[in-house]
Protein backbone atom coordinates (compact mmCIF):
# COMPACT_ATOMS: atom_id res chain seq x y z
CA MET A 1 -0.71 -50.84 -32.87
CA SER A 2 -0.56 -47.50 -31.15
CA SER A 3 -1.43 -44.16 -33.12
CA ILE A 4 -0.50 -40.73 -32.42
CA LEU A 5 -2.37 -37.77 -33.80
CA HIS A 6 0.26 -34.83 -34.43
CA LEU A 7 -0.92 -31.05 -34.46
CA ILE A 8 1.64 -28.68 -35.63
CA ALA A 9 0.33 -25.09 -34.62
CA ASP A 10 0.65 -21.77 -33.21
CA PRO A 11 -1.46 -20.16 -30.51
CA LEU A 12 -1.25 -16.74 -32.51
CA CYS A 13 -2.41 -18.31 -35.63
CA GLY A 14 -6.02 -17.58 -36.84
CA TRP A 15 -6.61 -20.59 -38.57
CA CYS A 16 -5.67 -22.70 -35.51
CA PHE A 17 -8.32 -20.75 -33.78
CA GLY A 18 -10.75 -21.77 -36.59
CA ALA A 19 -9.62 -25.48 -35.99
CA THR A 20 -10.25 -25.37 -32.15
CA PRO A 21 -13.51 -27.52 -32.69
CA LEU A 22 -11.57 -30.08 -34.72
CA LEU A 23 -8.99 -30.24 -31.84
CA LYS A 24 -11.76 -30.68 -29.15
CA ALA A 25 -13.19 -33.56 -31.51
CA SER A 26 -9.98 -35.27 -31.65
CA GLN A 27 -9.50 -35.10 -27.80
CA ASP A 28 -12.83 -37.25 -27.65
CA VAL A 29 -11.50 -39.83 -29.90
CA THR A 30 -10.76 -42.91 -27.52
CA ASP A 31 -7.06 -44.28 -27.21
CA LEU A 32 -5.69 -41.55 -29.70
CA PRO A 33 -3.16 -39.23 -27.89
CA ILE A 34 -2.45 -36.05 -29.33
CA LYS A 35 1.04 -34.53 -29.55
CA LEU A 36 1.21 -30.80 -30.04
CA HIS A 37 4.34 -29.29 -32.03
CA LEU A 38 4.38 -25.36 -31.94
CA GLY A 39 5.94 -23.69 -34.88
CA GLY A 40 6.38 -20.10 -34.20
CA LEU A 41 4.37 -18.04 -36.63
CA PHE A 42 5.33 -14.64 -35.38
CA SER A 43 9.07 -13.46 -34.40
CA THR A 44 8.95 -10.02 -33.50
CA PRO A 45 12.43 -8.55 -32.71
CA ASN A 46 12.85 -5.88 -30.11
CA ASN A 47 9.02 -6.14 -29.35
CA LYS A 48 7.96 -4.39 -32.56
CA VAL A 49 4.48 -3.10 -32.33
CA VAL A 50 2.11 -4.09 -34.98
CA ASP A 51 1.47 -1.80 -37.84
CA ALA A 52 -1.51 -0.40 -40.00
CA ALA A 53 -0.44 -2.93 -42.87
CA MET A 54 -0.30 -6.08 -40.57
CA ILE A 55 -3.56 -5.13 -39.03
CA GLN A 56 -5.38 -5.09 -42.23
CA PHE A 57 -3.76 -8.23 -43.32
CA ILE A 58 -4.72 -9.83 -40.07
CA MET A 59 -8.39 -8.51 -40.30
CA SER A 60 -8.66 -9.66 -43.83
CA HIS A 61 -7.72 -13.27 -42.81
CA HIS A 62 -10.28 -13.12 -39.91
CA GLU A 63 -12.95 -12.46 -42.28
CA ARG A 64 -12.16 -15.70 -44.03
CA ILE A 65 -11.58 -17.70 -41.01
CA THR A 66 -15.15 -16.73 -40.09
CA GLN A 67 -16.58 -17.64 -43.20
CA LEU A 68 -14.91 -20.99 -43.59
CA THR A 69 -14.55 -22.29 -39.93
CA GLU A 70 -17.49 -20.25 -38.29
CA GLN A 71 -15.39 -19.46 -35.63
CA SER A 72 -15.34 -15.68 -35.40
CA PRO A 73 -12.66 -13.77 -33.16
CA GLY A 74 -13.83 -11.36 -30.71
CA THR A 75 -14.14 -7.67 -30.77
CA ALA A 76 -11.87 -7.53 -27.81
CA LEU A 77 -8.98 -8.87 -30.25
CA THR A 78 -9.76 -6.07 -32.93
CA GLU A 79 -9.51 -3.59 -29.84
CA LEU A 80 -5.93 -5.03 -28.79
CA LEU A 81 -4.63 -4.91 -32.65
CA ASN A 82 -5.90 -1.16 -32.74
CA SER A 83 -4.49 -0.24 -29.40
CA GLY A 84 -1.53 1.17 -31.01
CA ASN A 85 0.66 -0.90 -28.69
CA ALA A 86 0.14 -4.54 -29.67
CA VAL A 87 2.78 -6.88 -29.99
CA LEU A 88 2.69 -10.32 -31.68
CA ASP A 89 5.52 -12.68 -30.83
CA SER A 90 4.96 -16.39 -30.84
CA THR A 91 7.81 -17.35 -28.54
CA PRO A 92 6.61 -16.34 -25.09
CA PRO A 93 3.20 -18.30 -25.29
CA ILE A 94 4.89 -21.25 -27.07
CA LYS A 95 7.66 -21.07 -24.16
CA ALA A 96 4.57 -21.03 -21.50
CA CYS A 97 2.92 -24.04 -23.55
CA LEU A 98 5.99 -26.10 -22.89
CA THR A 99 6.34 -24.93 -19.34
CA ALA A 100 2.74 -26.13 -18.76
CA SER A 101 3.76 -29.69 -19.20
CA LEU A 102 6.87 -29.14 -17.11
CA ALA A 103 4.75 -27.78 -14.22
CA GLY A 104 2.44 -30.77 -14.25
CA GLY A 105 -0.18 -29.30 -16.39
CA ASN A 106 -1.68 -30.22 -20.00
CA ASP A 107 0.02 -28.47 -22.84
CA LEU A 108 -3.20 -28.85 -25.04
CA ASN A 109 -5.52 -27.51 -22.48
CA TYR A 110 -3.18 -24.45 -21.80
CA TYR A 111 -2.69 -24.02 -25.65
CA GLN A 112 -6.61 -24.08 -26.40
CA ALA A 113 -6.85 -21.33 -23.06
CA LEU A 114 -4.18 -19.31 -24.70
CA ILE A 115 -6.07 -19.45 -27.98
CA LYS A 116 -9.09 -18.35 -26.33
CA ALA A 117 -7.34 -15.66 -24.23
CA HIS A 118 -6.05 -14.11 -27.41
CA PHE A 119 -8.90 -14.70 -29.93
CA ILE A 120 -11.80 -14.26 -27.73
CA ASP A 121 -10.76 -12.13 -24.88
CA GLY A 122 -8.07 -9.85 -26.48
CA LEU A 123 -5.55 -10.71 -23.90
CA ARG A 124 -1.82 -9.88 -24.47
CA ILE A 125 -0.82 -13.38 -24.20
CA VAL A 126 3.06 -12.27 -25.15
CA GLU A 127 3.24 -10.90 -21.50
CA GLU A 128 4.46 -13.19 -18.77
CA GLU A 129 1.90 -12.08 -16.31
CA THR A 130 -1.05 -12.89 -18.58
CA LEU A 131 0.85 -16.43 -19.16
CA ASN A 132 0.95 -17.07 -15.72
CA GLN A 133 -2.80 -16.19 -14.90
CA ILE A 134 -3.68 -18.45 -17.75
CA ALA A 135 -1.66 -21.47 -15.91
CA VAL A 136 -3.58 -20.72 -12.61
CA GLU A 137 -6.87 -20.83 -14.71
CA CYS A 138 -5.69 -24.15 -15.91
CA GLY A 139 -5.42 -25.45 -12.45
CA ILE A 140 -1.41 -25.25 -12.63
CA ASN A 141 0.44 -24.40 -9.39
CA ALA A 142 1.57 -20.52 -9.77
CA GLU A 143 4.66 -21.13 -8.07
CA GLU A 144 5.74 -24.28 -10.06
CA PHE A 145 4.77 -22.65 -13.25
CA LYS A 146 6.85 -19.45 -12.72
CA GLN A 147 9.86 -21.48 -11.87
CA ALA A 148 9.31 -23.65 -14.77
CA TYR A 149 9.16 -21.00 -17.28
CA GLU A 150 12.25 -19.29 -15.83
CA ASN A 151 14.29 -22.50 -16.24
CA LEU A 152 13.34 -23.14 -19.45
CA SER A 153 16.15 -21.93 -21.86
CA VAL A 154 15.88 -19.79 -25.06
CA GLU A 155 17.72 -22.75 -26.71
CA GLN A 156 15.11 -25.14 -25.59
CA VAL A 157 12.02 -23.22 -26.88
CA ALA A 158 14.40 -22.40 -30.37
CA GLN A 159 14.86 -25.99 -30.74
CA HIS A 160 11.24 -27.00 -30.12
CA ILE A 161 10.18 -24.55 -33.03
CA ASN A 162 12.92 -25.77 -34.98
CA ASP A 163 11.93 -29.39 -34.84
CA SER A 164 8.29 -28.38 -35.45
CA ARG A 165 9.07 -26.67 -38.63
CA ILE A 166 11.15 -29.83 -39.67
CA LEU A 167 8.17 -32.03 -39.05
CA LEU A 168 5.91 -29.73 -40.93
CA GLN A 169 8.12 -30.21 -43.95
CA ARG A 170 8.55 -33.93 -43.44
CA VAL A 171 4.94 -34.30 -43.52
CA GLY A 172 4.34 -31.86 -46.70
CA GLY A 173 2.27 -29.31 -44.57
CA GLN A 174 1.65 -25.75 -45.75
CA GLY A 175 1.47 -23.98 -42.75
CA PHE A 176 -0.66 -23.96 -39.47
CA PRO A 177 -2.66 -25.88 -38.33
CA THR A 178 -1.43 -29.19 -39.92
CA PHE A 179 -2.80 -32.48 -38.68
CA ALA A 180 -0.83 -35.47 -39.25
CA LEU A 181 -1.59 -39.24 -38.03
CA GLU A 182 1.24 -41.57 -37.17
CA GLN A 183 0.40 -45.13 -37.55
CA ASN A 184 2.89 -48.25 -37.60
CA ASN A 185 5.86 -45.41 -37.77
CA GLN A 186 4.43 -43.75 -40.54
CA ILE A 187 3.02 -40.53 -40.66
CA LYS A 188 0.62 -38.78 -43.32
CA ILE A 189 -0.89 -35.65 -43.34
CA LEU A 190 -4.73 -35.19 -42.84
CA ASN A 191 -6.88 -33.16 -44.87
CA HIS A 192 -8.70 -30.90 -42.24
CA GLN A 193 -9.56 -27.86 -44.35
CA THR A 194 -12.92 -29.25 -45.84
CA LEU A 195 -13.96 -30.00 -42.35
CA TYR A 196 -13.46 -26.73 -40.61
CA ASN A 197 -17.04 -26.30 -39.72
CA ASN A 198 -17.76 -30.28 -39.37
CA PRO A 199 -16.16 -31.46 -36.43
CA THR A 200 -18.50 -34.48 -36.08
CA GLY A 201 -17.25 -35.68 -39.33
CA TRP A 202 -13.64 -34.96 -38.69
CA GLN A 203 -13.86 -37.08 -35.49
CA GLN A 204 -15.86 -39.87 -37.64
CA SER A 205 -12.87 -39.69 -40.13
CA LEU A 206 -10.52 -40.11 -37.53
CA LYS A 207 -12.40 -43.15 -35.72
CA ASP A 208 -12.68 -44.75 -39.42
CA MET A 209 -8.85 -44.63 -39.85
CA LEU A 210 -8.14 -46.04 -36.44
CA SER A 211 -10.77 -48.79 -37.21
CA SER A 212 -9.09 -49.42 -40.46
CA GLN A 213 -5.81 -49.87 -38.74
CA LEU A 214 -7.20 -52.58 -36.52
CA THR A 215 -8.57 -54.74 -39.23
CA HIS A 216 -5.36 -54.86 -41.16
């Protein structure tokens, strides 16, 4: 009886950054594969630069994220947002995550590297050069990554985003991140909000659910 933990998320989502310890704890649970679904939080047509209202909105969320998750975005991100030419567009990093798998890498590890690059290091993860560099740091062959990135079509990326949003709706998720556990072809949403700053408790709850399945 196999189980799958589904994570519906976005590399530019602050709450997904806050849930990083929960994802790492999930990865340490034996015999629990994790499937990543990326939902496209930001869509910026024509590379529109982040304006003052959006910056204020993001920073207010960062305060709440720090309070509830104990994960604090770095000052480098604040500097990026206030640079006057910051662009937030989820499509390039989502495309890069999908590329990581195609190029022989691990999409979860690459996704976590993107989260760190954006929220801690303040890097421009909408730019292909940055995405390529992160791939190399994740042990992915640079040429294979570049080739796979070029070969991945706009339609394929859009289809992944659409499928992720359909799954989010199906499990009753309200936004990113959403964790859902699939067991015996049934999938149910998990309440992670009360465990943001308790990855050990989160991990134990996953283990309990898996052992409960084995006894039925």
